[in-house]
Every structure is written in structure tokens, then in C-alpha cells.
Amino acid sequence: MAILVGLVFLLLSVWAMLPAAFFGLNWGEHVLAFLMGGAPILGIFIGLIAVFIGIADMKDKAEAKKEEEAEKAKAAAGNDTGPAT
């Protein structure tokens, strides 16, 4: 069902952009104007998302490194606590 709905929307979108000579709605110029105006805004959003993901990744790596060092220190302290029997 989803494939059928997707195909219908795809065909209607192409039909809307066709020139009037081909019985279309001749919206091609409007679509291009929308894309030209929306591309910089989309670029800004993608850039912001990438920066936030990068910051979160750096924080995660730093936290994982601290946890790893704490586990190593705990393991080293556990091995040195008593005499071997």
C-alpha cells in the first residue's frame, strides 16, 4: 500500500511540474525557486546538526576514556590488595 501511495505522489509531482503544453500545471519554475531559496537554509540545518553530533561524539569518547581508566585503576588496585596464597 505504501509503495502505491508513493508512486501516486511521485506521478502527481512530476505532472505538476510539466509544462502546460503537456497538460501539466507548469509549476516547474516555482519548484526551482523554492529549491534555490531552501538550499541555503537546508545547508545551515545540516551544518548545525553535524556540529552537535560532533560535540556529542567528543563528549562520549572522553567519558568512555575516563571509564576505561577507572576500570584499569580498579583492576590494578584489586590485584595489589593482599598477599598471594
PDB file of N, CA and C in Angstrom:
ATOM      1  N   MET A   1       0.833  -1.197   0.000  1.00  0.00           N
ATOM      2  CA  MET A   1       0.000   0.000   0.000  1.00  0.00           C
ATOM      3  C   MET A   1       0.876   1.258   0.000  1.00  0.00           C
ATOM      4  N   ALA A   2       1.957   1.217   0.811  1.00  0.00           N
ATOM      5  CA  ALA A   2       2.830   2.383   0.886  1.00  0.00           C
ATOM      6  C   ALA A   2       3.511   2.645  -0.455  1.00  0.00           C
ATOM      7  N   ILE A   3       3.880   1.584  -1.160  1.00  0.00           N
ATOM      8  CA  ILE A   3       4.515   1.751  -2.470  1.00  0.00           C
ATOM      9  C   ILE A   3       3.542   2.392  -3.447  1.00  0.00           C
ATOM     10  N   LEU A   4       2.305   1.981  -3.408  1.00  0.00           N
ATOM     11  CA  LEU A   4       1.288   2.545  -4.300  1.00  0.00           C
ATOM     12  C   LEU A   4       1.071   4.032  -4.011  1.00  0.00           C
ATOM     13  N   VAL A   5       0.952   4.376  -2.744  1.00  0.00           N
ATOM     14  CA  VAL A   5       0.772   5.790  -2.370  1.00  0.00           C
ATOM     15  C   VAL A   5       1.992   6.602  -2.800  1.00  0.00           C
ATOM     16  N   GLY A   6       3.184   6.046  -2.596  1.00  0.00           N
ATOM     17  CA  GLY A   6       4.406   6.737  -3.009  1.00  0.00           C
ATOM     18  C   GLY A   6       4.456   6.975  -4.502  1.00  0.00           C
ATOM     19  N   LEU A   7       4.078   5.975  -5.266  1.00  0.00           N
ATOM     20  CA  LEU A   7       4.065   6.137  -6.726  1.00  0.00           C
ATOM     21  C   LEU A   7       3.044   7.174  -7.170  1.00  0.00           C
ATOM     22  N   VAL A   8       1.881   7.191  -6.541  1.00  0.00           N
ATOM     23  CA  VAL A   8       0.855   8.186  -6.887  1.00  0.00           C
ATOM     24  C   VAL A   8       1.380   9.594  -6.623  1.00  0.00           C
ATOM     25  N   PHE A   9       1.993   9.811  -5.455  1.00  0.00           N
ATOM     26  CA  PHE A   9       2.528  11.137  -5.142  1.00  0.00           C
ATOM     27  C   PHE A   9       3.666  11.511  -6.085  1.00  0.00           C
ATOM     28  N   LEU A  10       4.494  10.553  -6.433  1.00  0.00           N
ATOM     29  CA  LEU A  10       5.584  10.812  -7.365  1.00  0.00           C
ATOM     30  C   LEU A  10       5.047  11.236  -8.724  1.00  0.00           C
ATOM     31  N   LEU A  11       4.063  10.511  -9.238  1.00  0.00           N
ATOM     32  CA  LEU A  11       3.477  10.846 -10.538  1.00  0.00           C
ATOM     33  C   LEU A  11       2.771  12.198 -10.507  1.00  0.00           C
ATOM     34  N   LEU A  12       2.049  12.481  -9.429  1.00  0.00           N
ATOM     35  CA  LEU A  12       1.375  13.780  -9.327  1.00  0.00           C
ATOM     36  C   LEU A  12       2.382  14.930  -9.264  1.00  0.00           C
ATOM     37  N   SER A  13       3.493  14.717  -8.587  1.00  0.00           N
ATOM     38  CA  SER A  13       4.513  15.755  -8.505  1.00  0.00           C
ATOM     39  C   SER A  13       5.139  16.020  -9.860  1.00  0.00           C
ATOM     40  N   VAL A  14       5.454  14.974 -10.590  1.00  0.00           N
ATOM     41  CA  VAL A  14       6.023  15.148 -11.926  1.00  0.00           C
ATOM     42  C   VAL A  14       5.006  15.826 -12.839  1.00  0.00           C
ATOM     43  N   TRP A  15       3.758  15.416 -12.763  1.00  0.00           N
ATOM     44  CA  TRP A  15       2.709  16.023 -13.582  1.00  0.00           C
ATOM     45  C   TRP A  15       2.572  17.522 -13.284  1.00  0.00           C
ATOM     46  N   ALA A  16       2.681  17.902 -12.000  1.00  0.00           N
ATOM     47  CA  ALA A  16       2.536  19.309 -11.630  1.00  0.00           C
ATOM     48  C   ALA A  16       3.667  20.155 -12.201  1.00  0.00           C
ATOM     49  N   MET A  17       4.840  19.564 -12.380  1.00  0.00           N
ATOM     50  CA  MET A  17       5.981  20.335 -12.889  1.00  0.00           C
ATOM     51  C   MET A  17       6.045  20.364 -14.416  1.00  0.00           C
ATOM     52  N   LEU A  18       5.251  19.543 -15.084  1.00  0.00           N
ATOM     53  CA  LEU A  18       5.270  19.520 -16.547  1.00  0.00           C
ATOM     54  C   LEU A  18       4.743  20.838 -17.111  1.00  0.00           C
ATOM     55  N   PRO A  19       5.256  21.233 -18.268  1.00  0.00           N
ATOM     56  CA  PRO A  19       4.728  22.450 -18.908  1.00  0.00           C
ATOM     57  C   PRO A  19       3.265  22.270 -19.316  1.00  0.00           C
ATOM     58  N   ALA A  20       2.589  23.366 -19.498  1.00  0.00           N
ATOM     59  CA  ALA A  20       1.167  23.337 -19.850  1.00  0.00           C
ATOM     60  C   ALA A  20       0.955  22.665 -21.207  1.00  0.00           C
ATOM     61  N   ALA A  21       1.965  22.681 -22.069  1.00  0.00           N
ATOM     62  CA  ALA A  21       1.833  22.044 -23.383  1.00  0.00           C
ATOM     63  C   ALA A  21       1.634  20.539 -23.249  1.00  0.00           C
ATOM     64  N   PHE A  22       2.111  19.973 -22.147  1.00  0.00           N
ATOM     65  CA  PHE A  22       1.945  18.538 -21.897  1.00  0.00           C
ATOM     66  C   PHE A  22       0.848  18.277 -20.872  1.00  0.00           C
ATOM     67  N   PHE A  23      -0.110  19.182 -20.766  1.00  0.00           N
ATOM     68  CA  PHE A  23      -1.249  19.079 -19.852  1.00  0.00           C
ATOM     69  C   PHE A  23      -0.816  19.080 -18.386  1.00  0.00           C
ATOM     70  N   GLY A  24       0.299  19.689 -18.087  1.00  0.00           N
ATOM     71  CA  GLY A  24       0.781  19.791 -16.707  1.00  0.00           C
ATOM     72  C   GLY A  24       0.334  21.100 -16.095  1.00  0.00           C
ATOM     73  N   LEU A  25       0.724  21.334 -14.862  1.00  0.00           N
ATOM     74  CA  LEU A  25       0.357  22.562 -14.160  1.00  0.00           C
ATOM     75  C   LEU A  25       1.391  23.666 -14.323  1.00  0.00           C
ATOM     76  N   ASN A  26       2.526  23.362 -14.948  1.00  0.00           N
ATOM     77  CA  ASN A  26       3.571  24.353 -15.222  1.00  0.00           C
ATOM     78  C   ASN A  26       4.129  24.980 -13.942  1.00  0.00           C
ATOM     79  N   TRP A  27       4.360  24.171 -12.924  1.00  0.00           N
ATOM     80  CA  TRP A  27       4.910  24.653 -11.658  1.00  0.00           C
ATOM     81  C   TRP A  27       6.419  24.507 -11.592  1.00  0.00           C
ATOM     82  N   GLY A  28       7.055  24.147 -12.673  1.00  0.00           N
ATOM     83  CA  GLY A  28       8.494  23.893 -12.686  1.00  0.00           C
ATOM     84  C   GLY A  28       9.313  25.069 -12.188  1.00  0.00           C
ATOM     85  N   GLU A  29       8.986  26.275 -12.646  1.00  0.00           N
ATOM     86  CA  GLU A  29       9.728  27.470 -12.222  1.00  0.00           C
ATOM     87  C   GLU A  29       9.552  27.732 -10.734  1.00  0.00           C
ATOM     88  N   HIS A  30       8.357  27.498 -10.225  1.00  0.00           N
ATOM     89  CA  HIS A  30       8.106  27.706  -8.798  1.00  0.00           C
ATOM     90  C   HIS A  30       8.878  26.694  -7.953  1.00  0.00           C
ATOM     91  N   VAL A  31       8.960  25.474  -8.425  1.00  0.00           N
ATOM     92  CA  VAL A  31       9.716  24.440  -7.714  1.00  0.00           C
ATOM     93  C   VAL A  31      11.190  24.808  -7.683  1.00  0.00           C
ATOM     94  N   LEU A  32      11.728  25.274  -8.812  1.00  0.00           N
ATOM     95  CA  LEU A  32      13.131  25.675  -8.840  1.00  0.00           C
ATOM     96  C   LEU A  32      13.395  26.860  -7.917  1.00  0.00           C
ATOM     97  N   ALA A  33      12.483  27.816  -7.880  1.00  0.00           N
ATOM     98  CA  ALA A  33      12.648  28.960  -6.980  1.00  0.00           C
ATOM     99  C   ALA A  33      12.634  28.507  -5.529  1.00  0.00           C
ATOM    100  N   PHE A  34      11.762  27.574  -5.200  1.00  0.00           N
ATOM    101  CA  PHE A  34      11.706  27.035  -3.837  1.00  0.00           C
ATOM    102  C   PHE A  34      13.011  26.328  -3.483  1.00  0.00           C
ATOM    103  N   LEU A  35      13.520  25.528  -4.413  1.00  0.00           N
ATOM    104  CA  LEU A  35      14.772  24.808  -4.158  1.00  0.00           C
ATOM    105  C   LEU A  35      15.950  25.761  -4.011  1.00  0.00           C
ATOM    106  N   MET A  36      15.987  26.802  -4.838  1.00  0.00           N
ATOM    107  CA  MET A  36      17.080  27.776  -4.733  1.00  0.00           C
ATOM    108  C   MET A  36      17.016  28.532  -3.410  1.00  0.00           C
ATOM    109  N   GLY A  37      15.835  28.842  -2.954  1.00  0.00           N
ATOM    110  CA  GLY A  37      15.698  29.555  -1.688  1.00  0.00           C
ATOM    111  C   GLY A  37      15.879  28.650  -0.484  1.00  0.00           C
ATOM    112  N   GLY A  38      15.525  27.383  -0.627  1.00  0.00           N
ATOM    113  CA  GLY A  38      15.598  26.469   0.505  1.00  0.00           C
ATOM    114  C   GLY A  38      16.946  25.805   0.687  1.00  0.00           C
ATOM    115  N   ALA A  39      17.778  25.773  -0.353  1.00  0.00           N
ATOM    116  CA  ALA A  39      19.071  25.090  -0.272  1.00  0.00           C
ATOM    117  C   ALA A  39      19.981  25.686   0.807  1.00  0.00           C
ATOM    118  N   PRO A  40      20.130  27.020   0.897  1.00  0.00           N
ATOM    119  CA  PRO A  40      20.989  27.562   1.956  1.00  0.00           C
ATOM    120  C   PRO A  40      20.447  27.271   3.360  1.00  0.00           C
ATOM    121  N   ILE A  41      19.143  27.325   3.525  1.00  0.00           N
ATOM    122  CA  ILE A  41      18.544  27.028   4.828  1.00  0.00           C
ATOM    123  C   ILE A  41      18.791  25.568   5.192  1.00  0.00           C
ATOM    124  N   LEU A  42      18.621  24.678   4.231  1.00  0.00           N
ATOM    125  CA  LEU A  42      18.882  23.259   4.464  1.00  0.00           C
ATOM    126  C   LEU A  42      20.356  23.040   4.811  1.00  0.00           C
ATOM    127  N   GLY A  43      21.242  23.743   4.137  1.00  0.00           N
ATOM    128  CA  GLY A  43      22.672  23.646   4.440  1.00  0.00           C
ATOM    129  C   GLY A  43      22.990  24.088   5.858  1.00  0.00           C
ATOM    130  N   ILE A  44      22.335  25.142   6.317  1.00  0.00           N
ATOM    131  CA  ILE A  44      22.545  25.617   7.682  1.00  0.00           C
ATOM    132  C   ILE A  44      22.091  24.562   8.683  1.00  0.00           C
ATOM    133  N   PHE A  45      20.920  23.994   8.477  1.00  0.00           N
ATOM    134  CA  PHE A  45      20.415  22.976   9.399  1.00  0.00           C
ATOM    135  C   PHE A  45      21.313  21.742   9.420  1.00  0.00           C
ATOM    136  N   ILE A  46      21.762  21.303   8.253  1.00  0.00           N
ATOM    137  CA  ILE A  46      22.640  20.133   8.201  1.00  0.00           C
ATOM    138  C   ILE A  46      23.961  20.442   8.903  1.00  0.00           C
ATOM    139  N   GLY A  47      24.485  21.633   8.707  1.00  0.00           N
ATOM    140  CA  GLY A  47      25.724  22.024   9.391  1.00  0.00           C
ATOM    141  C   GLY A  47      25.572  22.051  10.896  1.00  0.00           C
ATOM    142  N   LEU A  48      24.468  22.614  11.376  1.00  0.00           N
ATOM    143  CA  LEU A  48      24.235  22.655  12.823  1.00  0.00           C
ATOM    144  C   LEU A  48      24.107  21.252  13.414  1.00  0.00           C
ATOM    145  N   ILE A  49      23.390  20.399  12.729  1.00  0.00           N
ATOM    146  CA  ILE A  49      23.222  19.028  13.203  1.00  0.00           C
ATOM    147  C   ILE A  49      24.578  18.320  13.251  1.00  0.00           C
ATOM    148  N   ALA A  50      25.408  18.535  12.226  1.00  0.00           N
ATOM    149  CA  ALA A  50      26.728  17.911  12.194  1.00  0.00           C
ATOM    150  C   ALA A  50      27.594  18.405  13.352  1.00  0.00           C
ATOM    151  N   VAL A  51      27.535  19.695  13.663  1.00  0.00           N
ATOM    152  CA  VAL A  51      28.305  20.241  14.783  1.00  0.00           C
ATOM    153  C   VAL A  51      27.834  19.629  16.096  1.00  0.00           C
ATOM    154  N   PHE A  52      26.527  19.550  16.306  1.00  0.00           N
ATOM    155  CA  PHE A  52      26.008  18.972  17.546  1.00  0.00           C
ATOM    156  C   PHE A  52      26.374  17.498  17.681  1.00  0.00           C
ATOM    157  N   ILE A  53      26.334  16.759  16.586  1.00  0.00           N
ATOM    158  CA  ILE A  53      26.722  15.348  16.619  1.00  0.00           C
ATOM    159  C   ILE A  53      28.206  15.222  16.934  1.00  0.00           C
ATOM    160  N   GLY A  54      29.023  16.083  16.357  1.00  0.00           N
ATOM    161  CA  GLY A  54      30.466  16.060  16.633  1.00  0.00           C
ATOM    162  C   GLY A  54      30.772  16.355  18.083  1.00  0.00           C
ATOM    163  N   ILE A  55      30.094  17.336  18.667  1.00  0.00           N
ATOM    164  CA  ILE A  55      30.303  17.669  20.074  1.00  0.00           C
ATOM    165  C   ILE A  55      29.875  16.503  20.961  1.00  0.00           C
ATOM    166  N   ALA A  56      28.738  15.910  20.677  1.00  0.00           N
ATOM    167  CA  ALA A  56      28.265  14.775  21.466  1.00  0.00           C
ATOM    168  C   ALA A  56      29.221  13.594  21.347  1.00  0.00           C
ATOM    169  N   ASP A  57      29.786  13.380  20.164  1.00  0.00           N
ATOM    170  CA  ASP A  57      30.733  12.285  19.961  1.00  0.00           C
ATOM    171  C   ASP A  57      32.006  12.521  20.773  1.00  0.00           C
ATOM    172  N   MET A  58      32.494  13.756  20.793  1.00  0.00           N
ATOM    173  CA  MET A  58      33.692  14.063  21.584  1.00  0.00           C
ATOM    174  C   MET A  58      33.427  13.842  23.067  1.00  0.00           C
ATOM    175  N   LYS A  59      32.261  14.244  23.547  1.00  0.00           N
ATOM    176  CA  LYS A  59      31.915  14.033  24.950  1.00  0.00           C
ATOM    177  C   LYS A  59      31.829  12.548  25.276  1.00  0.00           C
ATOM    178  N   ASP A  60      31.227  11.767  24.387  1.00  0.00           N
ATOM    179  CA  ASP A  60      31.112  10.323  24.597  1.00  0.00           C
ATOM    180  C   ASP A  60      32.484   9.659  24.646  1.00  0.00           C
ATOM    181  N   LYS A  61      33.388  10.063  23.752  1.00  0.00           N
ATOM    182  CA  LYS A  61      34.734   9.490  23.743  1.00  0.00           C
ATOM    183  C   LYS A  61      35.481   9.833  25.025  1.00  0.00           C
ATOM    184  N   ALA A  62      35.344  11.078  25.495  1.00  0.00           N
ATOM    185  CA  ALA A  62      36.017  11.480  26.722  1.00  0.00           C
ATOM    186  C   ALA A  62      35.470  10.700  27.915  1.00  0.00           C
ATOM    187  N   GLU A  63      34.165  10.506  27.965  1.00  0.00           N
ATOM    188  CA  GLU A  63      33.555   9.753  29.059  1.00  0.00           C
ATOM    189  C   GLU A  63      33.970   8.288  29.010  1.00  0.00           C
ATOM    190  N   ALA A  64      34.037   7.709  27.832  1.00  0.00           N
ATOM    191  CA  ALA A  64      34.450   6.310  27.701  1.00  0.00           C
ATOM    192  C   ALA A  64      35.901   6.142  28.127  1.00  0.00           C
ATOM    193  N   LYS A  65      36.744   7.125  27.797  1.00  0.00           N
ATOM    194  CA  LYS A  65      38.155   7.059  28.192  1.00  0.00           C
ATOM    195  C   LYS A  65      38.279   7.134  29.715  1.00  0.00           C
ATOM    196  N   LYS A  66      37.503   7.996  30.356  1.00  0.00           N
ATOM    197  CA  LYS A  66      37.531   8.098  31.819  1.00  0.00           C
ATOM    198  C   LYS A  66      37.084   6.797  32.458  1.00  0.00           C
ATOM    199  N   GLU A  67      36.024   6.198  31.929  1.00  0.00           N
ATOM    200  CA  GLU A  67      35.537   4.932  32.471  1.00  0.00           C
ATOM    201  C   GLU A  67      36.567   3.825  32.294  1.00  0.00           C
ATOM    202  N   GLU A  68      37.238   3.805  31.151  1.00  0.00           N
ATOM    203  CA  GLU A  68      38.262   2.793  30.902  1.00  0.00           C
ATOM    204  C   GLU A  68      39.424   2.953  31.872  1.00  0.00           C
ATOM    205  N   GLU A  69      39.852   4.196  32.106  1.00  0.00           N
ATOM    206  CA  GLU A  69      40.937   4.447  33.051  1.00  0.00           C
ATOM    207  C   GLU A  69      40.526   4.074  34.468  1.00  0.00           C
ATOM    208  N   ALA A  70      39.276   4.345  34.822  1.00  0.00           N
ATOM    209  CA  ALA A  70      38.794   3.981  36.159  1.00  0.00           C
ATOM    210  C   ALA A  70      38.763   2.461  36.323  1.00  0.00           C
ATOM    211  N   GLU A  71      38.373   1.738  35.289  1.00  0.00           N
ATOM    212  CA  GLU A  71      38.362   0.272  35.358  1.00  0.00           C
ATOM    213  C   GLU A  71      39.774  -0.284  35.481  1.00  0.00           C
ATOM    214  N   LYS A  72      40.719   0.310  34.746  1.00  0.00           N
ATOM    215  CA  LYS A  72      42.109  -0.141  34.840  1.00  0.00           C
ATOM    216  C   LYS A  72      42.662   0.122  36.243  1.00  0.00           C
ATOM    217  N   ALA A  73      42.364   1.293  36.807  1.00  0.00           N
ATOM    218  CA  ALA A  73      42.838   1.617  38.151  1.00  0.00           C
ATOM    219  C   ALA A  73      42.207   0.686  39.177  1.00  0.00           C
ATOM    220  N   LYS A  74      40.949   0.375  39.021  1.00  0.00           N
ATOM    221  CA  LYS A  74      40.255  -0.520  39.939  1.00  0.00           C
ATOM    222  C   LYS A  74      40.834  -1.933  39.846  1.00  0.00           C
ATOM    223  N   ALA A  75      41.108  -2.364  38.620  1.00  0.00           N
ATOM    224  CA  ALA A  75      41.692  -3.700  38.432  1.00  0.00           C
ATOM    225  C   ALA A  75      43.092  -3.753  39.002  1.00  0.00           C
ATOM    226  N   ALA A  76      43.869  -2.709  38.829  1.00  0.00           N
ATOM    227  CA  ALA A  76      45.226  -2.677  39.369  1.00  0.00           C
ATOM    228  C   ALA A  76      45.201  -2.638  40.889  1.00  0.00           C
ATOM    229  N   ALA A  77      44.279  -1.899  41.459  1.00  0.00           N
ATOM    230  CA  ALA A  77      44.156  -1.819  42.919  1.00  0.00           C
ATOM    231  C   ALA A  77      43.671  -3.147  43.483  1.00  0.00           C
ATOM    232  N   GLY A  78      42.836  -3.849  42.762  1.00  0.00           N
ATOM    233  CA  GLY A  78      42.327  -5.143  43.217  1.00  0.00           C
ATOM    234  C   GLY A  78      43.406  -6.203  43.215  1.00  0.00           C
ATOM    235  N   ASN A  79      44.376  -6.115  42.338  1.00  0.00           N
ATOM    236  CA  ASN A  79      45.460  -7.100  42.258  1.00  0.00           C
ATOM    237  C   ASN A  79      46.511  -6.871  43.315  1.00  0.00           C
ATOM    238  N   ASP A  80      46.658  -5.654  43.850  1.00  0.00           N
ATOM    239  CA  ASP A  80      47.718  -5.320  44.796  1.00  0.00           C
ATOM    240  C   ASP A  80      47.228  -5.304  46.237  1.00  0.00           C
ATOM    241  N   THR A  81      46.054  -5.766  46.558  1.00  0.00           N
ATOM    242  CA  THR A  81      45.494  -5.581  47.901  1.00  0.00           C
ATOM    243  C   THR A  81      45.980  -6.603  48.925  1.00  0.00           C
ATOM    244  N   GLY A  82      46.366  -7.762  48.537  1.00  0.00           N
ATOM    245  CA  GLY A  82      46.727  -8.728  49.561  1.00  0.00           C
ATOM    246  C   GLY A  82      47.803  -9.675  49.099  1.00  0.00           C
ATOM    247  N   PRO A  83      48.347 -10.443  50.076  1.00  0.00           N
ATOM    248  CA  PRO A  83      49.382 -11.395  49.690  1.00  0.00           C
ATOM    249  C   PRO A  83      48.792 -12.575  48.955  1.00  0.00           C
ATOM    250  N   ALA A  84      49.572 -13.150  48.106  1.00  0.00           N
ATOM    251  CA  ALA A  84      49.126 -14.307  47.344  1.00  0.00           C
ATOM    252  C   ALA A  84      49.130 -15.529  48.227  1.00  0.00           C
ATOM    253  N   THR A  85      48.108 -16.366  48.133  1.00  0.00           N
ATOM    254  CA  THR A  85      48.048 -17.570  48.971  1.00  0.00           C
ATOM    255  C   THR A  85      48.208 -18.815  48.159  1.00  0.00           C
TER     256      THR A  85
END
